[in-house]
Amino acid sequence: MEKLHSEQTRLQGELAESSIYEDAHKNRLKGAMLRNAEVDKKLAEIESE
């Protein structure tokens, strides 16, 4: 769970960077958003147990 929280924090920091929203970084943005959703879902599942 700690590892997921660390990854969540890293991803949120990455998504907070304005440069990730530039056209040149569309793939990076998409990957970060998808991974962030996966991590959020896993954390929610763990916390609901």
N, C-alpha and C. Protein backbone atom coordinates (compact mmCIF):
# COMPACT_ATOMS: atom_id res chain seq x y z
N MET A 1 0.83 -1.18 0.00
CA MET A 1 0.00 0.00 0.00
C MET A 1 0.88 1.26 0.00
N GLU A 2 1.97 1.21 0.74
CA GLU A 2 2.89 2.35 0.78
C GLU A 2 3.47 2.63 -0.60
N LYS A 3 3.78 1.55 -1.33
CA LYS A 3 4.33 1.69 -2.68
C LYS A 3 3.32 2.39 -3.60
N LEU A 4 2.04 2.02 -3.46
CA LEU A 4 1.00 2.64 -4.28
C LEU A 4 0.83 4.11 -3.93
N HIS A 5 0.91 4.43 -2.63
CA HIS A 5 0.80 5.84 -2.23
C HIS A 5 1.96 6.65 -2.79
N SER A 6 3.15 6.07 -2.80
CA SER A 6 4.32 6.76 -3.36
C SER A 6 4.13 7.00 -4.86
N GLU A 7 3.64 5.99 -5.54
CA GLU A 7 3.42 6.13 -6.99
C GLU A 7 2.32 7.15 -7.26
N GLN A 8 1.28 7.14 -6.43
CA GLN A 8 0.19 8.10 -6.58
C GLN A 8 0.72 9.54 -6.43
N THR A 9 1.56 9.75 -5.44
CA THR A 9 2.15 11.08 -5.21
C THR A 9 3.00 11.50 -6.40
N ARG A 10 3.80 10.56 -6.92
CA ARG A 10 4.65 10.86 -8.08
C ARG A 10 3.80 11.22 -9.30
N LEU A 11 2.76 10.44 -9.54
CA LEU A 11 1.89 10.69 -10.69
C LEU A 11 1.16 12.02 -10.56
N GLN A 12 0.70 12.34 -9.37
CA GLN A 12 0.02 13.61 -9.17
C GLN A 12 0.97 14.78 -9.42
N GLY A 13 2.22 14.62 -9.01
CA GLY A 13 3.22 15.65 -9.29
C GLY A 13 3.46 15.80 -10.78
N GLU A 14 3.53 14.67 -11.47
CA GLU A 14 3.74 14.69 -12.92
C GLU A 14 2.56 15.37 -13.62
N LEU A 15 1.35 15.05 -13.17
CA LEU A 15 0.16 15.64 -13.78
C LEU A 15 -0.01 17.13 -13.43
N ALA A 16 0.66 17.58 -12.39
CA ALA A 16 0.60 18.99 -12.00
C ALA A 16 1.53 19.86 -12.84
N GLU A 17 2.47 19.23 -13.55
CA GLU A 17 3.39 19.97 -14.41
C GLU A 17 2.65 20.46 -15.66
N SER A 18 2.77 21.73 -15.94
CA SER A 18 2.06 22.28 -17.10
C SER A 18 2.59 21.73 -18.42
N SER A 19 3.87 21.37 -18.46
CA SER A 19 4.46 20.90 -19.72
C SER A 19 3.86 19.59 -20.21
N ILE A 20 3.31 18.79 -19.31
CA ILE A 20 2.75 17.50 -19.73
C ILE A 20 1.51 17.69 -20.61
N TYR A 21 0.90 18.87 -20.55
CA TYR A 21 -0.31 19.13 -21.33
C TYR A 21 -0.02 19.70 -22.72
N GLU A 22 1.26 19.85 -23.05
CA GLU A 22 1.64 20.30 -24.39
C GLU A 22 1.45 19.16 -25.38
N ASP A 23 1.19 19.51 -26.63
CA ASP A 23 0.95 18.51 -27.67
C ASP A 23 2.07 17.49 -27.77
N ALA A 24 3.29 17.91 -27.56
CA ALA A 24 4.44 17.02 -27.69
C ALA A 24 4.45 15.92 -26.64
N HIS A 25 3.69 16.08 -25.59
CA HIS A 25 3.70 15.11 -24.49
C HIS A 25 2.37 14.37 -24.33
N LYS A 26 1.58 14.30 -25.38
CA LYS A 26 0.26 13.65 -25.30
C LYS A 26 0.35 12.21 -24.82
N ASN A 27 1.31 11.46 -25.33
CA ASN A 27 1.44 10.05 -24.93
C ASN A 27 1.82 9.93 -23.46
N ARG A 28 2.72 10.79 -23.00
CA ARG A 28 3.12 10.80 -21.59
C ARG A 28 1.92 11.14 -20.70
N LEU A 29 1.13 12.12 -21.12
CA LEU A 29 -0.06 12.52 -20.37
C LEU A 29 -1.06 11.37 -20.29
N LYS A 30 -1.31 10.75 -21.42
CA LYS A 30 -2.27 9.64 -21.47
C LYS A 30 -1.81 8.51 -20.56
N GLY A 31 -0.55 8.16 -20.62
CA GLY A 31 -0.02 7.09 -19.78
C GLY A 31 -0.11 7.42 -18.30
N ALA A 32 0.21 8.65 -17.96
CA ALA A 32 0.15 9.07 -16.55
C ALA A 32 -1.29 9.06 -16.04
N MET A 33 -2.21 9.49 -16.87
CA MET A 33 -3.62 9.51 -16.45
C MET A 33 -4.16 8.09 -16.28
N LEU A 34 -3.82 7.21 -17.19
CA LEU A 34 -4.27 5.82 -17.09
C LEU A 34 -3.68 5.14 -15.87
N ARG A 35 -2.40 5.33 -15.65
CA ARG A 35 -1.75 4.71 -14.49
C ARG A 35 -2.30 5.29 -13.20
N ASN A 36 -2.56 6.59 -13.18
CA ASN A 36 -3.12 7.22 -11.99
C ASN A 36 -4.49 6.62 -11.66
N ALA A 37 -5.30 6.38 -12.67
CA ALA A 37 -6.61 5.77 -12.47
C ALA A 37 -6.47 4.35 -11.92
N GLU A 38 -5.51 3.60 -12.44
CA GLU A 38 -5.26 2.24 -11.95
C GLU A 38 -4.84 2.24 -10.49
N VAL A 39 -3.93 3.13 -10.14
CA VAL A 39 -3.44 3.22 -8.77
C VAL A 39 -4.57 3.63 -7.83
N ASP A 40 -5.36 4.62 -8.25
CA ASP A 40 -6.49 5.06 -7.43
C ASP A 40 -7.46 3.90 -7.18
N LYS A 41 -7.73 3.12 -8.21
CA LYS A 41 -8.65 1.99 -8.08
C LYS A 41 -8.09 0.94 -7.13
N LYS A 42 -6.81 0.60 -7.27
CA LYS A 42 -6.19 -0.39 -6.40
C LYS A 42 -6.20 0.08 -4.95
N LEU A 43 -5.89 1.35 -4.72
CA LEU A 43 -5.89 1.88 -3.36
C LEU A 43 -7.30 1.85 -2.76
N ALA A 44 -8.29 2.18 -3.56
CA ALA A 44 -9.68 2.14 -3.08
C ALA A 44 -10.08 0.72 -2.70
N GLU A 45 -9.66 -0.26 -3.50
CA GLU A 45 -9.97 -1.66 -3.20
C GLU A 45 -9.31 -2.09 -1.90
N ILE A 46 -8.05 -1.72 -1.72
CA ILE A 46 -7.32 -2.10 -0.51
C ILE A 46 -7.94 -1.43 0.72
N GLU A 47 -8.27 -0.16 0.60
CA GLU A 47 -8.81 0.58 1.73
C GLU A 47 -10.21 0.13 2.11
N SER A 48 -10.95 -0.47 1.17
CA SER A 48 -12.30 -0.93 1.47
C SER A 48 -12.33 -2.31 2.11
N GLU A 49 -11.19 -2.97 2.15
CA GLU A 49 -11.12 -4.32 2.74
C GLU A 49 -11.20 -4.26 4.24
